[in-house]
Amino acid sequence: MKRRAGIASVALMAALLALLVTALTPVALAASPSPAPEGTPVVTGTIPNPKDPKGIKNWAGDRVQVNFKPNGAELDLASCQLFIDGREEQLAKEPFIVPAVSRATSTLEFPLAAKHKAGKYAFKVILVTTDGQHVEYSWDFLSEGEAGSGSLVSVRVMREWFWFIAEGAVVTVELTIISIAFACVFALFGSLGRLSKKMTFKQAWDRYHSWGYMWRMVVGRIPYWVATFYTSLFRGTPLLLQIYAIYMVIPEIIRYFGLPESYNPPPFWAGVAALSLNYGAYLTEVFRAGIQAVPKGQNEAAWAIGLSGWQTQRRIVLPQAFKIVIPAVGNDFIALIKDTSLVSVITVEELLRRSQLAGAATFSFFSTLLVAAAFYWALTIFFSFWQAKLETRMARDKAREREQEKK
């Protein structure tokens, strides 16, 4: 029974993984813009940004950044130029490429020798590639000066950026709910795989002395090996590394199989994949313990009335096991709310990322991070309250069942 359940669990896990990968790849390719000519960089944005969605008019005045898609080109950094109001700007040092997570875009920074005050400026950059190509890009910007208020905490910044950061809280909740749902599915199949091991090879040989049975044991042991490898890998490596790996490796896979172009997958779903696989590995042991906590007499009674192994698991064992693991899953759900902040490194605009963007725009990071901390705290208190209510109700139902058994 356990072997059949384990084989079914691995088959379903493989199907779910394939579905997740196929869901990521087409969306990533569909979201990708039409490619520019190979070897020609394309400017995608600037700082200061005249097209900022929040209408930000603040600029520190000490640097200019240009975001661009390399398209296979390599810049001659020493030859790149920046003009402000028609004059070539004096730089504090040579332009440099800012380290970034994504390979699809790069950022060129011009550190200015003199700081510019509030006013209207006309910018023009000339990107020069190593093969001699020149790409020009111009824009105008009306600066209101540096946004820093001079105080450690700015109530004005917290008030003006509250709803912008609140939108990130919605994304955080979405990430948490979707990830914990996938994690429970992975944990269920992983726990069934871990429980599919019935006896050692030596015990089987001593009992049956049959090479045919030994071969069947090898095949039946595959779910156990797969589940053990999965839990060992994702519990033995940092979550942050897994996020980076999923976000960066999928484009390599796309390129390896000859698909049109290598693009990063949608950051949101890359984050969901990493979080669900990581938490699924930890919950696998929780689900395994929950299944083992169901009295063995339940299985024997199910066999006695003619239920198959899968029917026994689905109708008898798993419903009882789910009630047992609910408190542990609730604790992991609370922890996952805070761990979603790690996906900010791949530009998912969740709560922490939104507070970072607001801090960068206002130069008041303490104020915006305080708002984010308040949201995290509020979410934790809210879901902890409902978890406690659920556990209280379950304890009351369990006490009622015991009273009925005594009668």
Protein backbone atom coordinates (compact mmCIF):
# COMPACT_ATOMS: atom_id res chain seq x y z
CA MET A 1 0.00 0.00 0.00
CA LYS A 2 2.73 2.43 1.01
CA ARG A 3 4.73 1.62 -2.14
CA ARG A 4 1.78 2.35 -4.43
CA ALA A 5 1.03 5.58 -2.57
CA GLY A 6 4.69 6.57 -2.81
CA ILE A 7 4.85 5.93 -6.57
CA ALA A 8 1.68 7.95 -7.07
CA SER A 9 3.10 10.78 -4.96
CA VAL A 10 6.29 11.00 -7.04
CA ALA A 11 4.32 10.93 -10.29
CA LEU A 12 2.07 13.74 -9.09
CA MET A 13 5.06 15.73 -7.77
CA ALA A 14 6.84 15.41 -11.13
CA ALA A 15 3.68 16.51 -12.94
CA LEU A 16 3.32 19.52 -10.64
CA LEU A 17 6.95 20.53 -11.14
CA ALA A 18 6.56 20.22 -14.91
CA LEU A 19 3.40 22.32 -14.75
CA LEU A 20 5.20 25.00 -12.72
CA VAL A 21 8.13 25.16 -15.16
CA THR A 22 5.87 25.26 -18.21
CA ALA A 23 3.84 28.02 -16.56
CA LEU A 24 6.94 30.11 -15.95
CA THR A 25 8.55 29.73 -19.36
CA PRO A 26 5.73 30.86 -21.74
CA VAL A 27 4.80 33.81 -19.52
CA ALA A 28 8.42 34.90 -19.42
CA LEU A 29 8.76 34.72 -23.18
CA ALA A 30 5.40 36.39 -23.79
CA ALA A 31 6.30 39.25 -21.46
CA SER A 32 9.58 39.85 -23.26
CA PRO A 33 9.75 42.75 -25.68
CA SER A 34 10.77 42.32 -29.31
CA PRO A 35 14.56 42.02 -29.48
CA ALA A 36 16.67 44.96 -30.67
CA PRO A 37 19.45 44.48 -33.23
CA GLU A 38 22.25 42.35 -31.83
CA GLY A 39 25.21 44.40 -30.67
CA THR A 40 23.23 47.64 -30.16
CA PRO A 41 22.48 48.74 -26.57
CA VAL A 42 19.00 50.15 -25.93
CA VAL A 43 18.31 52.67 -23.15
CA THR A 44 15.31 51.63 -21.04
CA GLY A 45 15.33 54.24 -18.26
CA THR A 46 17.26 56.90 -16.38
CA ILE A 47 17.79 58.43 -12.96
CA PRO A 48 16.64 61.17 -12.67
CA ASN A 49 13.54 59.82 -14.36
CA PRO A 50 11.09 62.26 -16.02
CA LYS A 51 8.55 59.44 -16.48
CA ASP A 52 8.42 58.30 -12.86
CA PRO A 53 4.97 56.76 -12.18
CA LYS A 54 4.76 58.56 -8.83
CA GLY A 55 5.69 61.91 -10.39
CA ILE A 56 8.83 62.20 -8.27
CA LYS A 57 10.76 65.41 -8.96
CA ASN A 58 13.57 64.91 -6.46
CA TRP A 59 17.18 64.32 -7.50
CA ALA A 60 20.27 64.12 -5.29
CA GLY A 61 22.25 65.93 -8.02
CA ASP A 62 25.47 63.97 -7.53
CA ARG A 63 25.04 61.15 -10.07
CA VAL A 64 23.19 60.11 -13.21
CA GLN A 65 22.25 56.51 -13.96
CA VAL A 66 21.28 55.03 -17.32
CA ASN A 67 19.52 51.67 -17.52
CA PHE A 68 20.03 49.81 -20.79
CA LYS A 69 19.77 46.42 -22.46
CA PRO A 70 23.22 45.40 -23.72
CA ASN A 71 21.93 43.08 -26.50
CA GLY A 72 25.37 41.48 -26.64
CA ALA A 73 27.27 44.78 -26.84
CA GLU A 74 30.12 45.74 -24.53
CA LEU A 75 30.56 49.39 -23.58
CA ASP A 76 33.81 51.32 -23.78
CA LEU A 77 33.28 52.98 -20.40
CA ALA A 78 36.07 55.52 -20.81
CA SER A 79 34.48 56.84 -24.03
CA CYS A 80 30.88 57.17 -22.74
CA GLN A 81 29.84 60.81 -22.27
CA LEU A 82 27.26 62.77 -20.30
CA PHE A 83 26.07 66.25 -21.30
CA ILE A 84 23.99 68.56 -19.07
CA ASP A 85 22.53 71.68 -20.66
CA GLY A 86 24.71 71.18 -23.74
CA ARG A 87 28.03 71.00 -21.87
CA GLU A 88 30.02 67.85 -21.24
CA GLU A 89 29.84 67.15 -17.54
CA GLN A 90 32.96 66.79 -15.42
CA LEU A 91 32.95 63.46 -13.61
CA ALA A 92 34.37 62.55 -10.21
CA LYS A 93 35.66 59.31 -11.73
CA GLU A 94 35.19 57.13 -14.79
CA PRO A 95 31.66 55.81 -15.45
CA PHE A 96 31.07 52.28 -14.17
CA ILE A 97 28.53 49.47 -14.42
CA VAL A 98 26.43 48.99 -11.28
CA PRO A 99 26.29 45.30 -10.20
CA ALA A 100 22.82 43.86 -10.85
CA VAL A 101 20.94 40.60 -10.42
CA SER A 102 19.53 40.44 -13.95
CA ARG A 103 21.63 39.84 -17.04
CA ALA A 104 18.90 41.24 -19.26
CA THR A 105 19.54 44.85 -18.22
CA SER A 106 22.54 46.83 -16.96
CA THR A 107 22.99 50.20 -15.27
CA LEU A 108 25.71 52.71 -16.18
CA GLU A 109 26.45 55.30 -13.51
CA PHE A 110 28.06 58.71 -14.06
CA PRO A 111 29.40 60.08 -10.72
CA LEU A 112 29.36 63.88 -11.00
CA ALA A 113 32.25 66.04 -9.80
CA ALA A 114 29.90 68.86 -8.72
CA LYS A 115 26.51 68.54 -7.07
CA HIS A 116 23.56 70.11 -8.92
CA LYS A 117 20.83 72.01 -7.12
CA ALA A 118 17.13 72.31 -7.93
CA GLY A 119 16.31 73.46 -11.44
CA LYS A 120 15.49 72.36 -14.96
CA TYR A 121 18.15 70.34 -16.77
CA ALA A 122 18.57 68.91 -20.26
CA PHE A 123 20.47 65.61 -20.23
CA LYS A 124 22.13 63.71 -23.05
CA VAL A 125 24.19 60.53 -22.79
CA ILE A 126 26.31 58.92 -25.47
CA LEU A 127 26.94 55.20 -25.03
CA VAL A 128 30.00 54.02 -26.96
CA THR A 129 30.55 50.31 -27.61
CA THR A 130 33.92 48.63 -28.02
CA ASP A 131 33.25 48.20 -31.75
CA GLY A 132 32.70 51.95 -32.21
CA GLN A 133 28.88 52.24 -32.19
CA HIS A 134 27.41 55.42 -30.68
CA VAL A 135 23.95 55.41 -29.07
CA GLU A 136 22.53 58.80 -28.00
CA TYR A 137 19.68 59.34 -25.56
CA SER A 138 18.27 62.69 -24.38
CA TRP A 139 15.72 63.76 -21.78
CA ASP A 140 14.67 66.78 -19.71
CA PHE A 141 14.08 66.84 -15.97
CA LEU A 142 12.72 69.49 -13.60
CA SER A 143 14.41 68.84 -10.25
CA GLU A 144 13.03 70.01 -6.92
CA GLY A 145 16.33 69.19 -5.25
CA GLU A 146 17.27 66.49 -2.78
CA ALA A 147 14.32 64.98 -0.94
CA GLY A 148 15.94 64.50 2.44
CA SER A 149 14.11 66.36 5.19
CA GLY A 150 17.03 66.51 7.60
CA SER A 151 15.17 64.64 10.38
CA LEU A 152 15.55 60.97 11.23
CA VAL A 153 11.84 60.20 10.87
CA SER A 154 9.55 62.14 8.54
CA VAL A 155 5.83 61.91 9.24
CA ARG A 156 5.18 63.59 5.90
CA VAL A 157 7.07 60.85 4.03
CA MET A 158 5.26 58.12 5.98
CA ARG A 159 1.89 59.69 5.20
CA GLU A 160 2.55 60.36 1.50
CA TRP A 161 4.04 56.94 0.79
CA PHE A 162 1.75 54.87 3.00
CA TRP A 163 -0.52 53.59 0.22
CA PHE A 164 2.39 52.98 -2.13
CA ILE A 165 3.93 50.67 0.49
CA ALA A 166 0.50 49.19 1.30
CA GLU A 167 0.27 47.89 -2.27
CA GLY A 168 3.43 45.93 -1.51
CA ALA A 169 1.67 44.41 1.52
CA VAL A 170 -0.99 43.03 -0.83
CA VAL A 171 1.72 41.39 -2.94
CA THR A 172 3.28 39.96 0.24
CA VAL A 173 -0.02 38.33 1.22
CA GLU A 174 -0.47 36.94 -2.31
CA LEU A 175 3.06 35.52 -2.25
CA THR A 176 2.45 33.92 1.14
CA ILE A 177 -0.88 32.29 0.32
CA ILE A 178 0.15 30.94 -3.09
CA SER A 179 3.51 29.71 -1.81
CA ILE A 180 2.09 27.93 1.25
CA ALA A 181 -0.52 26.24 -0.94
CA PHE A 182 2.13 24.86 -3.31
CA ALA A 183 4.33 24.00 -0.32
CA CYS A 184 1.58 21.87 1.22
CA VAL A 185 1.16 19.98 -2.06
CA PHE A 186 4.91 19.32 -2.30
CA ALA A 187 4.95 18.33 1.38
CA LEU A 188 2.08 15.88 0.95
CA PHE A 189 3.70 14.07 -1.95
CA GLY A 190 7.11 14.22 -0.31
CA SER A 191 5.80 12.72 2.92
CA LEU A 192 4.11 9.86 1.07
CA GLY A 193 7.39 9.23 -0.73
CA ARG A 194 9.30 9.24 2.55
CA LEU A 195 6.86 6.72 4.01
CA SER A 196 7.05 4.35 1.03
CA LYS A 197 10.12 2.58 2.47
CA LYS A 198 8.83 -0.60 4.13
CA MET A 199 11.97 -2.63 4.89
CA THR A 200 15.69 -2.82 4.11
CA PHE A 201 17.05 -4.92 1.25
CA LYS A 202 18.61 -7.34 3.74
CA GLN A 203 15.30 -7.85 5.50
CA ALA A 204 13.56 -8.42 2.17
CA TRP A 205 16.14 -11.00 1.05
CA ASP A 206 16.04 -12.84 4.37
CA ARG A 207 12.27 -13.05 4.14
CA TYR A 208 11.63 -13.80 0.43
CA HIS A 209 14.94 -14.97 -1.17
CA SER A 210 13.61 -13.75 -4.53
CA TRP A 211 15.48 -11.63 -7.10
CA GLY A 212 12.15 -10.65 -8.64
CA TYR A 213 10.95 -9.23 -5.36
CA MET A 214 14.27 -7.44 -4.90
CA TRP A 215 13.81 -5.77 -8.30
CA ARG A 216 10.30 -4.71 -7.32
CA MET A 217 11.77 -3.26 -4.14
CA VAL A 218 14.29 -1.22 -6.15
CA VAL A 219 11.49 0.26 -8.28
CA GLY A 220 9.30 0.82 -5.23
CA ARG A 221 12.14 2.56 -3.43
CA ILE A 222 12.40 5.31 -6.10
CA PRO A 223 9.73 7.53 -4.45
CA TYR A 224 11.65 7.33 -1.18
CA TRP A 225 14.93 8.28 -2.85
CA VAL A 226 13.35 11.18 -4.77
CA ALA A 227 11.60 12.55 -1.67
CA THR A 228 14.76 12.18 0.43
CA PHE A 229 16.87 13.97 -2.19
CA TYR A 230 14.30 16.77 -2.46
CA THR A 231 14.11 17.41 1.29
CA SER A 232 17.88 17.12 1.73
CA LEU A 233 18.63 19.56 -1.11
CA PHE A 234 16.16 22.29 -0.18
CA ARG A 235 16.74 22.02 3.57
CA GLY A 236 20.51 21.95 3.09
CA THR A 237 20.87 25.09 0.95
CA PRO A 238 19.97 28.72 1.80
CA LEU A 239 16.62 30.04 0.65
CA LEU A 240 18.28 33.13 -0.82
CA LEU A 241 20.53 30.93 -2.97
CA GLN A 242 17.47 29.01 -4.20
CA ILE A 243 15.74 32.27 -5.18
CA TYR A 244 18.77 33.40 -7.16
CA ALA A 245 19.18 29.97 -8.77
CA ILE A 246 15.57 29.71 -9.98
CA TYR A 247 15.55 33.31 -11.23
CA MET A 248 18.84 32.94 -13.11
CA VAL A 249 18.94 29.28 -14.15
CA ILE A 250 15.64 29.22 -16.06
CA PRO A 251 16.98 31.69 -18.69
CA GLU A 252 20.02 29.44 -19.08
CA ILE A 253 17.71 26.45 -19.64
CA ILE A 254 15.72 28.44 -22.21
CA ARG A 255 18.91 29.29 -24.07
CA TYR A 256 20.29 25.73 -23.81
CA PHE A 257 17.21 24.25 -25.49
CA GLY A 258 17.40 26.78 -28.33
CA LEU A 259 14.35 28.85 -27.46
CA PRO A 260 14.20 32.35 -29.01
CA GLU A 261 16.06 34.34 -26.36
CA SER A 262 17.22 34.09 -22.77
CA TYR A 263 14.99 36.12 -20.45
CA ASN A 264 14.53 36.03 -16.72
CA PRO A 265 11.20 34.47 -15.68
CA PRO A 266 8.58 36.72 -14.09
CA PRO A 267 10.09 37.61 -10.71
CA PHE A 268 6.83 36.97 -8.85
CA TRP A 269 6.52 33.37 -10.02
CA ALA A 270 10.23 32.72 -9.60
CA GLY A 271 9.79 33.81 -5.99
CA VAL A 272 6.73 31.58 -5.57
CA ALA A 273 8.66 28.60 -6.94
CA ALA A 274 11.59 29.12 -4.56
CA LEU A 275 9.45 29.75 -1.48
CA SER A 276 7.09 26.84 -2.10
CA LEU A 277 9.89 24.35 -2.81
CA ASN A 278 11.83 25.45 0.26
CA TYR A 279 8.91 25.40 2.67
CA GLY A 280 7.59 22.21 1.08
CA ALA A 281 10.84 20.48 2.06
CA TYR A 282 10.42 21.49 5.70
CA LEU A 283 6.71 20.67 5.76
CA THR A 284 7.44 17.23 4.30
CA GLU A 285 8.72 16.07 7.68
CA VAL A 286 5.75 17.72 9.40
CA PHE A 287 3.29 15.88 7.16
CA ARG A 288 5.21 12.62 7.60
CA ALA A 289 4.98 12.93 11.37
CA GLY A 290 1.28 13.76 11.09
CA ILE A 291 0.57 10.66 8.99
CA GLN A 292 2.55 8.46 11.37
CA ALA A 293 0.60 9.91 14.31
CA VAL A 294 -2.62 8.35 13.00
CA PRO A 295 -3.12 5.06 14.90
CA LYS A 296 -2.15 1.97 12.89
CA GLY A 297 -5.44 0.42 13.82
CA GLN A 298 -7.09 2.81 11.36
CA ASN A 299 -5.13 1.23 8.48
CA GLU A 300 -5.93 -2.28 9.64
CA ALA A 301 -9.63 -1.46 9.88
CA ALA A 302 -9.56 0.00 6.36
CA TRP A 303 -7.90 -3.14 4.98
CA ALA A 304 -10.47 -5.27 6.78
CA ILE A 305 -13.36 -3.59 4.95
CA GLY A 306 -11.59 -3.91 1.58
CA LEU A 307 -10.27 -0.41 0.97
CA SER A 308 -7.22 -0.12 -1.29
CA GLY A 309 -4.02 1.56 -0.14
CA TRP A 310 -4.81 4.83 -1.92
CA GLN A 311 -8.41 4.83 -0.64
CA THR A 312 -7.13 4.27 2.88
CA GLN A 313 -4.78 7.22 2.62
CA ARG A 314 -7.34 9.51 0.99
CA ARG A 315 -10.40 8.68 3.09
CA ILE A 316 -9.02 7.58 6.44
CA VAL A 317 -5.42 8.61 7.12
CA LEU A 318 -4.93 11.97 5.40
CA PRO A 319 -8.04 13.74 6.79
CA GLN A 320 -6.90 12.90 10.32
CA ALA A 321 -3.28 13.79 9.54
CA PHE A 322 -4.31 17.21 8.21
CA LYS A 323 -5.93 18.07 11.54
CA ILE A 324 -2.73 17.10 13.33
CA VAL A 325 -0.43 19.24 11.17
CA ILE A 326 -2.57 22.40 11.06
CA PRO A 327 -0.76 24.10 14.01
CA ALA A 328 2.67 23.45 12.46
CA VAL A 329 1.51 24.66 9.04
CA GLY A 330 0.12 27.79 10.69
CA ASN A 331 3.48 28.51 12.30
CA ASP A 332 5.26 28.10 8.96
CA PHE A 333 2.66 30.38 7.35
CA ILE A 334 3.55 33.13 9.85
CA ALA A 335 7.27 32.60 9.19
CA LEU A 336 6.67 32.67 5.43
CA ILE A 337 5.09 36.13 5.66
CA LYS A 338 8.47 37.48 6.77
CA ASP A 339 10.55 35.30 4.43
CA THR A 340 8.76 36.74 1.40
CA SER A 341 10.96 39.79 1.92
CA LEU A 342 13.86 37.79 0.43
CA VAL A 343 12.30 37.90 -3.04
CA SER A 344 12.88 41.65 -3.07
CA VAL A 345 16.39 40.82 -4.35
CA ILE A 346 14.84 39.74 -7.68
CA THR A 347 12.81 42.97 -7.95
CA VAL A 348 9.44 41.60 -6.79
CA GLU A 349 7.62 44.69 -5.54
CA GLU A 350 6.45 43.22 -2.26
CA LEU A 351 6.43 45.06 1.06
CA LEU A 352 10.18 45.41 1.63
CA ARG A 353 10.93 46.26 -2.01
CA ARG A 354 8.26 48.98 -2.02
CA SER A 355 9.68 50.50 1.15
CA GLN A 356 13.16 50.47 -0.41
CA LEU A 357 11.87 52.23 -3.52
CA ALA A 358 10.10 54.81 -1.39
CA GLY A 359 13.24 55.32 0.68
CA ALA A 360 15.37 55.77 -2.43
CA ALA A 361 12.93 58.37 -3.75
CA THR A 362 12.69 60.34 -0.50
CA PHE A 363 16.12 59.70 1.06
CA SER A 364 14.26 58.84 4.27
CA PHE A 365 14.81 55.09 4.56
CA PHE A 366 14.11 54.98 8.27
CA SER A 367 10.63 56.40 7.74
CA THR A 368 9.68 54.03 4.93
CA LEU A 369 11.17 50.98 6.66
CA LEU A 370 9.18 51.83 9.79
CA VAL A 371 6.00 51.69 7.70
CA ALA A 372 7.06 48.31 6.28
CA ALA A 373 7.85 46.99 9.77
CA ALA A 374 4.41 48.09 10.98
CA PHE A 375 2.77 46.21 8.09
CA TYR A 376 4.76 43.03 8.80
CA TRP A 377 3.87 43.23 12.47
CA ALA A 378 0.19 43.84 11.74
CA LEU A 379 0.03 40.91 9.30
CA THR A 380 1.72 38.63 11.82
CA ILE A 381 -0.69 39.63 14.60
CA PHE A 382 -3.72 39.25 12.32
CA PHE A 383 -2.89 35.76 11.08
CA SER A 384 -1.63 34.63 14.51
CA PHE A 385 -5.01 35.61 15.97
CA TRP A 386 -6.91 33.48 13.47
CA GLN A 387 -4.48 30.61 13.90
CA ALA A 388 -5.11 30.67 17.65
CA LYS A 389 -8.88 30.73 17.04
CA LEU A 390 -8.59 27.71 14.74
CA GLU A 391 -6.47 25.76 17.23
CA THR A 392 -8.94 26.54 20.03
CA ARG A 393 -11.83 25.27 17.95
CA MET A 394 -9.93 22.11 17.03
CA ALA A 395 -9.11 21.47 20.69
CA ARG A 396 -12.78 21.91 21.59
CA ASP A 397 -13.85 19.48 18.85
CA LYS A 398 -11.27 16.95 20.02
CA ALA A 399 -12.52 17.20 23.61
CA ARG A 400 -16.09 16.68 22.39
CA GLU A 401 -15.03 13.56 20.48
CA ARG A 402 -13.39 12.14 23.60
CA GLU A 403 -16.54 12.72 25.61
CA GLN A 404 -18.59 10.91 22.99
CA GLU A 405 -16.15 7.97 23.05
CA LYS A 406 -16.51 7.68 26.83
CA LYS A 407 -20.29 7.53 26.50
